[in-house]
Protein backbone atom coordinates (compact mmCIF):
# COMPACT_ATOMS: atom_id res chain seq x y z
CA MET A 1 -21.76 28.14 25.51
CA ASP A 2 -24.87 26.08 24.76
CA PHE A 3 -25.07 23.57 27.61
CA ASN A 4 -28.13 21.31 27.30
CA VAL A 5 -28.66 19.72 30.73
CA LYS A 6 -31.58 17.57 29.59
CA ARG A 7 -29.62 16.11 26.70
CA LEU A 8 -26.62 15.47 28.95
CA ALA A 9 -28.84 13.69 31.47
CA SER A 10 -30.46 11.65 28.69
CA ASP A 11 -27.08 10.60 27.25
CA ALA A 12 -25.86 9.68 30.72
CA GLY A 13 -28.97 7.58 31.25
CA VAL A 14 -28.50 5.75 27.94
CA PHE A 15 -24.84 5.13 28.75
CA PHE A 16 -25.71 3.73 32.18
CA THR A 17 -28.44 1.52 30.68
CA ARG A 18 -26.05 0.19 28.04
CA ALA A 19 -23.39 -0.53 30.68
CA VAL A 20 -25.88 -2.47 32.80
CA GLN A 21 -27.11 -4.35 29.74
CA PHE A 22 -23.59 -5.33 28.63
CA THR A 23 -22.77 -6.49 32.17
CA GLU A 24 -25.91 -8.64 32.37
CA GLU A 25 -25.12 -10.15 28.95
CA LYS A 26 -21.61 -11.05 30.08
CA LEU A 27 -22.99 -12.66 33.23
CA GLY A 28 -25.68 -14.51 31.29
CA GLN A 29 -28.48 -12.70 33.09
CA ALA A 30 -29.92 -10.93 30.04
CA GLU A 31 -31.09 -12.12 26.65
CA LYS A 32 -28.78 -11.36 23.71
CA THR A 33 -29.90 -11.43 20.10
CA GLU A 34 -27.37 -13.35 18.04
CA LEU A 35 -26.44 -12.07 14.60
CA ASP A 36 -26.74 -14.13 11.45
CA PRO A 37 -23.65 -16.43 11.04
CA HIS A 38 -22.97 -14.98 7.58
CA LEU A 39 -23.05 -11.46 9.01
CA GLU A 40 -20.79 -12.49 11.88
CA ASN A 41 -18.30 -13.90 9.35
CA LEU A 42 -18.41 -10.68 7.32
CA ILE A 43 -17.77 -8.58 10.44
CA SER A 44 -14.83 -10.78 11.46
CA ARG A 45 -13.38 -10.56 7.93
CA ALA A 46 -13.75 -6.79 7.86
CA ASP A 47 -12.07 -6.42 11.27
CA GLY A 48 -9.15 -8.55 10.07
CA THR A 49 -8.86 -6.47 6.89
CA LYS A 50 -8.71 -3.29 8.92
CA ILE A 51 -6.07 -4.61 11.34
CA TRP A 52 -3.75 -6.02 8.66
CA THR A 53 -4.17 -3.00 6.39
CA GLU A 54 -3.02 -0.76 9.25
CA LYS A 55 0.02 -2.94 9.90
CA ILE A 56 1.00 -3.16 6.22
CA LEU A 57 0.54 0.59 5.78
CA ARG A 58 2.67 1.50 8.80
CA GLN A 59 5.47 -0.90 7.90
CA THR A 60 5.51 0.24 4.26
CA GLU A 61 5.82 3.83 5.46
CA VAL A 62 8.79 2.78 7.60
CA LEU A 63 10.33 0.98 4.61
CA LEU A 64 9.96 3.95 2.29
CA GLN A 65 10.87 6.59 4.87
CA PRO A 66 12.95 5.25 7.80
CA ASN A 67 13.28 8.71 9.35
CA PRO A 68 10.49 9.15 11.99
CA SER A 69 10.71 12.95 11.86
CA ALA A 70 10.21 12.94 8.10
CA ARG A 71 7.19 10.64 8.50
CA ILE A 72 5.67 13.00 11.07
CA GLU A 73 6.24 15.92 8.71
CA GLU A 74 4.52 14.03 5.87
CA PHE A 75 1.60 13.20 8.20
CA ILE A 76 1.16 16.86 9.19
CA TYR A 77 1.23 18.06 5.58
CA ASP A 78 -1.28 15.36 4.64
CA LYS A 79 -3.68 16.39 7.43
CA LEU A 80 -3.33 20.05 6.48
CA ASP A 81 -4.07 19.07 2.87
CA LYS A 82 -0.89 20.78 1.68
CA LYS A 83 1.68 19.59 -0.84
CA LEU A 84 4.83 18.23 0.75
CA PRO A 85 7.96 20.12 -0.37
CA SER A 86 10.32 18.15 -2.56
CA ARG A 87 12.93 16.44 -0.41
CA THR A 88 16.44 15.58 -1.63
CA THR A 89 17.21 11.88 -1.26
CA ASN A 90 20.29 10.73 0.62
CA ALA A 91 21.90 9.40 -2.57
CA GLU A 92 21.36 12.73 -4.35
CA LEU A 93 22.83 14.60 -1.39
CA LEU A 94 25.85 12.28 -1.34
CA GLY A 95 26.33 12.76 -5.07
CA GLN A 96 26.24 16.53 -4.71
CA TYR A 97 28.80 16.40 -1.90
CA MET A 98 31.10 14.32 -4.14
CA LEU A 99 30.75 16.83 -6.99
CA ASP A 100 31.51 19.72 -4.63
CA ALA A 101 34.54 17.86 -3.27
CA ALA A 102 35.77 17.18 -6.79
CA SER A 103 35.50 20.86 -7.61
CA ASP A 104 37.56 21.66 -4.51
CA PHE A 105 40.24 18.99 -5.14
CA GLY A 106 40.40 19.68 -8.87
CA PRO A 107 38.35 17.84 -11.51
CA THR A 108 41.47 17.07 -13.55
CA THR A 109 43.07 15.03 -10.77
CA THR A 110 42.53 11.28 -10.59
CA TYR A 111 40.63 11.54 -7.31
CA GLY A 112 38.58 14.50 -8.51
CA SER A 113 37.54 12.88 -11.78
CA THR A 114 36.58 9.67 -9.97
CA LEU A 115 34.53 11.66 -7.46
CA ILE A 116 32.67 13.29 -10.34
CA THR A 117 31.96 9.93 -11.96
CA VAL A 118 30.72 8.29 -8.76
CA GLY A 119 28.82 11.42 -7.75
CA GLU A 120 26.90 11.51 -11.01
CA TYR A 121 25.83 7.91 -10.57
CA GLN A 122 24.82 8.56 -6.96
CA LYS A 123 22.55 11.34 -8.18
CA ARG A 124 21.04 8.94 -10.73
CA LEU A 125 20.41 6.42 -7.97
CA GLY A 126 18.76 9.17 -5.96
CA GLY A 127 16.56 10.10 -8.90
CA ALA A 128 15.48 6.48 -9.31
CA GLU A 129 14.72 6.30 -5.59
CA ARG A 130 12.65 9.50 -5.75
CA GLU A 131 10.61 8.11 -8.63
CA PHE A 132 10.08 4.83 -6.73
CA LEU A 133 8.93 6.66 -3.60
CA GLN A 134 6.49 8.82 -5.54
CA THR A 135 5.07 5.85 -7.44
CA SER A 136 4.68 3.77 -4.28
CA ALA A 137 3.01 6.60 -2.37
CA ALA A 138 0.50 7.24 -5.15
CA ASN A 139 -0.26 3.66 -6.20
CA PHE A 140 0.02 1.77 -2.91
CA LEU A 141 -0.02 3.94 0.22
CA ALA A 142 -2.80 6.29 -0.91
CA PRO A 143 -5.39 3.52 -1.56
CA LEU A 144 -4.65 1.92 1.82
CA ARG A 145 -5.07 5.26 3.59
CA ASN A 146 -8.30 5.96 1.72
CA PHE A 147 -9.72 2.63 2.91
CA LEU A 148 -8.84 3.31 6.55
CA GLU A 149 -9.87 6.98 6.58
CA GLU A 150 -13.03 6.76 4.45
CA ASP A 151 -14.38 3.26 3.80
CA TRP A 152 -13.60 1.88 7.23
CA LYS A 153 -15.08 4.88 9.04
CA MET A 154 -18.36 4.28 7.23
CA ILE A 155 -18.23 0.56 8.06
CA ALA A 156 -17.49 1.30 11.74
CA LYS A 157 -20.39 3.76 11.89
CA GLU A 158 -22.85 1.21 10.51
CA LYS A 159 -21.51 -1.44 12.90
CA ARG A 160 -22.15 0.86 15.87
CA LEU A 161 -25.68 1.54 14.64
CA LEU A 162 -26.27 -2.20 14.29
CA GLU A 163 -25.04 -2.79 17.84
CA ASN A 164 -27.36 -0.06 19.16
CA ARG A 165 -30.31 -1.55 17.24
CA ARG A 166 -29.52 -4.95 18.75
CA LEU A 167 -29.41 -3.54 22.26
CA ASP A 168 -32.72 -1.72 21.69
CA LEU A 169 -34.25 -4.95 20.42
CA ASP A 170 -33.03 -6.85 23.47
CA ILE A 171 -34.52 -4.19 25.77
CA CYS A 172 -37.87 -4.47 23.97
CA LYS A 173 -37.76 -8.25 24.25
CA ALA A 174 -37.07 -8.03 27.99
CA ARG A 175 -39.86 -5.47 28.42
CA MET A 176 -42.28 -7.67 26.47
CA LYS A 177 -41.35 -10.69 28.55
CA LYS A 178 -41.83 -8.74 31.77
CA ALA A 179 -45.23 -7.39 30.68
CA LYS A 180 -46.52 -10.84 29.74
CA LEU A 181 -45.34 -12.32 33.05
CA ALA A 182 -47.15 -9.57 34.95
CA GLU A 183 -50.31 -10.15 32.92
CA ALA A 184 -50.19 -13.92 33.47
CA LYS A 185 -49.62 -13.41 37.18
CA ALA A 186 -52.58 -11.04 37.44
CA VAL A 187 -54.85 -13.51 35.67
CA ALA A 188 -53.71 -16.39 37.88
CA ALA A 189 -53.93 -14.48 41.19
CA PRO A 190 -55.93 -11.20 41.09
CA ASP A 191 -54.79 -8.50 43.47
CA PHE A 192 -58.36 -7.59 44.45
CA GLN A 193 -61.24 -9.59 45.78
CA GLU A 194 -64.15 -9.39 43.38
CA THR A 195 -66.86 -9.90 46.07
CA ARG A 196 -67.64 -6.19 46.18
CA PRO A 197 -68.37 -3.99 43.16
CA ARG A 198 -65.62 -1.48 43.98
CA ASN A 199 -62.90 -4.14 44.12
CA TYR A 200 -64.20 -5.66 40.91
CA VAL A 201 -63.89 -2.32 39.11
CA LEU A 202 -60.36 -1.88 40.40
CA SER A 203 -59.43 -5.41 39.28
CA ALA A 204 -60.84 -4.86 35.81
CA SER A 205 -58.99 -1.54 35.54
CA ALA A 206 -55.70 -3.18 36.51
CA SER A 207 -56.24 -5.96 34.00
CA ALA A 208 -56.90 -3.42 31.26
CA LEU A 209 -53.71 -1.55 32.15
CA LEU A 210 -51.70 -4.74 31.96
CA SER A 211 -53.20 -5.63 28.58
CA GLU A 212 -52.43 -2.15 27.32
CA GLU A 213 -48.85 -2.50 28.57
CA VAL A 214 -48.48 -5.80 26.70
CA GLU A 215 -49.83 -4.28 23.48
CA LYS A 216 -47.47 -1.33 23.83
CA ALA A 217 -44.52 -3.68 24.41
CA GLU A 218 -45.50 -5.77 21.36
CA HIS A 219 -45.65 -2.65 19.19
CA GLU A 220 -42.24 -1.44 20.39
CA LEU A 221 -40.83 -4.91 19.80
CA ARG A 222 -42.10 -4.98 16.22
CA VAL A 223 -40.63 -1.54 15.54
CA ALA A 224 -37.28 -2.49 17.11
CA GLN A 225 -37.19 -5.76 15.15
CA THR A 226 -37.87 -3.92 11.87
CA GLU A 227 -35.14 -1.36 12.54
CA PHE A 228 -32.70 -4.09 13.53
CA ASP A 229 -33.41 -6.12 10.37
CA ARG A 230 -33.04 -3.01 8.19
CA GLN A 231 -29.74 -2.04 9.80
CA ALA A 232 -28.45 -5.62 9.58
CA GLU A 233 -29.16 -5.65 5.84
CA THR A 234 -27.45 -2.28 5.34
CA THR A 235 -24.40 -3.45 7.28
CA ARG A 236 -24.30 -6.73 5.38
CA LEU A 237 -24.30 -5.01 1.99
CA LEU A 238 -21.53 -2.68 3.13
CA LEU A 239 -19.39 -5.50 4.51
CA GLU A 240 -19.76 -7.55 1.34
CA GLY A 241 -17.84 -4.73 -0.39
CA ILE A 242 -14.70 -5.91 1.46
CA SER A 243 -14.21 -8.44 -1.35
CA SER A 244 -13.90 -5.64 -3.91
CA THR A 245 -11.57 -3.85 -1.51
CA HIS A 246 -9.33 -6.93 -1.48
CA LEU A 247 -9.26 -6.95 -5.29
CA LYS A 248 -8.37 -3.27 -5.36
CA HIS A 249 -5.60 -3.75 -2.83
CA LEU A 250 -4.34 -6.74 -4.83
CA HIS A 251 -3.95 -4.54 -7.91
CA CYS A 252 -2.17 -1.89 -5.82
CA LEU A 253 0.15 -4.54 -4.37
CA GLN A 254 1.08 -5.73 -7.86
CA GLU A 255 1.88 -2.16 -8.90
CA PHE A 256 4.02 -1.71 -5.78
CA ALA A 257 5.97 -4.90 -6.52
CA GLU A 258 6.45 -3.84 -10.14
CA ALA A 259 7.70 -0.40 -9.07
CA GLN A 260 10.08 -2.05 -6.63
CA ALA A 261 11.40 -4.41 -9.30
CA THR A 262 11.90 -1.51 -11.72
CA TYR A 263 13.75 0.49 -9.07
CA PHE A 264 16.13 -2.32 -8.18
CA ALA A 265 16.72 -3.11 -11.86
CA GLN A 266 17.65 0.52 -12.48
CA CYS A 267 19.98 0.52 -9.49
CA HIS A 268 21.61 -2.70 -10.67
CA HIS A 269 22.07 -1.28 -14.14
CA PHE A 270 23.54 2.00 -12.87
CA MET A 271 26.01 0.22 -10.61
CA GLN A 272 27.07 -2.12 -13.40
CA GLU A 273 27.79 0.89 -15.61
CA LEU A 274 29.68 2.63 -12.80
CA GLN A 275 31.77 -0.48 -12.19
CA ARG A 276 32.64 -0.68 -15.89
CA GLU A 277 33.72 2.95 -15.94
CA LEU A 278 35.86 2.52 -12.84
CA ASN A 279 37.38 -0.70 -14.20
CA GLY A 280 38.06 1.11 -17.48
CA CYS A 281 40.71 3.24 -15.83
CA ALA A 282 43.98 2.27 -17.50
CA THR A 283 47.52 2.51 -16.11
CA VAL A 284 49.60 4.98 -18.07
CA GLY A 285 53.32 4.35 -18.53
CA PRO A 286 55.72 2.17 -16.54
CA LEU A 287 57.24 5.14 -14.77
CA HIS A 288 53.90 6.46 -13.64
CA SER A 289 52.22 3.32 -12.39
CA SER A 290 50.17 5.27 -9.86
CA ALA A 291 48.62 7.52 -12.50
CA VAL A 292 45.42 6.29 -14.04
CA VAL A 293 43.26 7.69 -16.76
CA CYS A 294 39.55 7.47 -15.89
CA PRO A 295 36.62 7.97 -18.23
CA ASN A 296 35.56 11.48 -19.02
CA PRO A 297 33.07 12.41 -16.26
CA ILE A 298 30.96 14.38 -18.70
CA SER A 299 30.59 11.44 -21.09
CA SER A 300 29.75 9.11 -18.19
CA ALA A 301 26.23 10.49 -18.26
CA LEU A 302 25.73 8.64 -21.52
CA LEU A 303 26.07 5.28 -19.74
CA PRO A 304 28.29 3.57 -22.36
CA GLY A 305 27.97 -0.19 -22.57
CA PRO A 306 30.81 -2.70 -22.27
CA SER A 307 33.29 -3.13 -25.07
CA LEU A 308 32.63 -5.97 -27.46
CA PRO A 309 35.21 -8.19 -29.15
CA GLY A 310 36.66 -6.41 -32.15
CA VAL A 311 36.73 -2.93 -30.62
CA VAL A 312 40.07 -1.32 -31.42
CA VAL A 313 41.66 0.77 -28.67
CA SER A 314 44.17 3.41 -29.71
CA SER A 315 47.19 3.78 -27.44
CA ASP A 316 47.30 7.51 -28.22
CA SER A 317 43.69 8.57 -27.74
CA GLN A 318 42.41 5.75 -25.48
CA LYS A 319 39.06 5.96 -27.40
CA PRO A 320 37.32 2.87 -28.82
CA SER A 321 36.44 2.88 -32.47
CA THR A 322 32.75 2.68 -33.41
CA LEU A 323 31.48 -0.85 -33.93
CA ASN A 324 28.89 -1.43 -36.65
CA MET A 325 26.68 -4.14 -35.19
CA GLN A 326 24.90 -4.88 -38.45
CA GLN A 327 28.11 -5.38 -40.44
CA LYS A 328 30.14 -7.21 -37.80
CA GLN A 329 29.75 -10.98 -38.14
CA VAL A 330 30.15 -12.83 -34.83
CA PRO A 331 29.82 -16.51 -33.98
CA VAL A 332 26.50 -17.28 -32.30
CA THR A 333 26.46 -19.45 -29.17
CA GLY A 334 22.80 -20.31 -28.49
CA THR A 335 19.89 -18.31 -29.88
CA ARG A 336 16.86 -17.80 -27.62
CA ARG A 337 13.66 -15.81 -27.49
CA ALA A 338 13.28 -13.23 -24.73
CA LYS A 339 10.50 -11.01 -23.41
CA VAL A 340 11.37 -7.42 -22.56
CA LEU A 341 10.40 -6.51 -18.96
CA TYR A 342 11.06 -2.77 -18.97
CA ASP A 343 11.66 0.04 -21.44
CA TYR A 344 15.32 0.65 -22.22
CA ASP A 345 16.84 3.51 -24.19
CA ALA A 346 20.07 2.76 -26.05
CA HIS A 347 22.95 4.91 -24.85
CA ASP A 348 24.99 4.61 -28.05
CA SER A 349 24.88 3.02 -31.48
CA SER A 350 26.14 -0.35 -30.19
CA GLU A 351 23.01 -0.87 -28.06
CA LEU A 352 19.43 -1.74 -28.98
CA SER A 353 16.46 0.22 -27.56
CA LEU A 354 13.74 -1.91 -25.99
CA LEU A 355 10.02 -1.58 -25.32
CA ALA A 356 8.33 -3.39 -22.45
CA ASP A 357 6.41 -6.59 -23.34
CA GLU A 358 7.95 -6.99 -26.81
CA PHE A 359 9.75 -10.18 -27.87
CA ILE A 360 13.25 -10.25 -29.36
CA THR A 361 15.87 -12.84 -30.27
CA VAL A 362 19.04 -12.85 -28.14
CA TYR A 363 22.36 -14.66 -28.23
CA THR A 364 25.87 -14.25 -26.91
CA VAL A 365 29.39 -14.47 -28.33
CA PRO A 366 32.60 -15.82 -26.81
CA GLY A 367 34.28 -13.35 -24.47
CA MET A 368 31.19 -11.13 -24.14
CA ASP A 369 30.27 -9.54 -20.80
CA PRO A 370 27.85 -11.97 -19.05
CA ASP A 371 25.58 -9.06 -18.07
CA TRP A 372 24.84 -8.27 -21.72
CA LEU A 373 23.44 -10.14 -24.73
CA LEU A 374 23.18 -9.40 -28.41
CA GLY A 375 19.59 -8.75 -29.40
CA GLU A 376 17.82 -8.82 -32.77
CA ARG A 377 14.47 -7.30 -33.69
CA GLY A 378 13.91 -7.54 -37.42
CA ASN A 379 16.86 -5.81 -39.08
CA ASP A 380 17.91 -4.02 -35.88
CA LYS A 381 20.72 -5.45 -33.76
CA GLY A 382 22.54 -4.32 -30.65
CA LYS A 383 23.56 -5.03 -27.11
CA VAL A 384 20.82 -5.39 -24.50
CA PRO A 385 21.14 -5.73 -20.67
CA VAL A 386 20.18 -9.13 -19.26
CA THR A 387 18.35 -7.56 -16.29
CA TYR A 388 15.76 -6.09 -18.64
CA LEU A 389 14.86 -9.48 -20.17
CA GLU A 390 12.97 -12.63 -19.32
CA LEU A 391 14.62 -15.49 -21.23
CA LEU A 392 12.13 -17.96 -22.69
CA SER A 393 12.77 -21.65 -23.24
């Protein structure tokens, strides 16, 4: 073990000197060099950025992963620079349990078929949640962590160097002041009587030593002032980069909000479709009022839209006939322009596929589901979900 006693003693001496200097500054017994007001403002702004970034990061982690054990596991994998294993979301796990229960109870029973339908939608909700978590971690949490673990460490290092340069400058100023006071005192009241040659030589020698001490103190002060000014400029340039950090975090925040909006829109859409499928269960026969016929769980993956006026339901097959949207003439009740917020893939021929940021014409018809509108884009027509649109005046 390499144990350097001299270095340890030197570090201990510097620490003790700094402690004494800080104490004297607090008591007003030592001179303290004040920083430039602009630099002080930059330091205060950077400290606030660091504090609030930490709080936002920690609370976002709690929001995305409420389980403390899972957060600790993610932290360990991140520090070990290893990829975190894919974790099943709670909704996906619930959906799988429902599918397993349906297999045990019998998929042809009413309860079993309903379990399959709900289970499939729970797994879709879990998939949407997984995508939201991944997007948020990459586009929002990662930039915040990079700022705290990389950018802020560099800023903190330069701040410590600036503080050390300031303390060194204050020591040099105090030493310079002390040397000049000693020189002035020696000039005003010599320590030796100059009546004899020997005392005169001693007095001249002492005066020369004091002058040399003043010159040495002036040189050290100039060097300390130069180093302090250089470090202050370096720190100032680094702290001015906080403004660009705010802009970067603003962009990340917008992406996080957009991912959150997309996730909740998907969840809303999935639950609307699930509710329609469950409400589509029809009572069969007066003598079997407790028996219901639910949608085919396999076809539920296609997310069929709500039935429109004019759809013919057969009492034998319980299957709606195909509706040709371009040939069916329906009364229009208010035509409006709408901007598409998110991409949407049509699940059947009665719906219209959408692309984000495009503009379409929408209207409704009497008796139509309020969560859907009829959309037109050129010669293409079809149903579109309201949650994917921004209606324009």
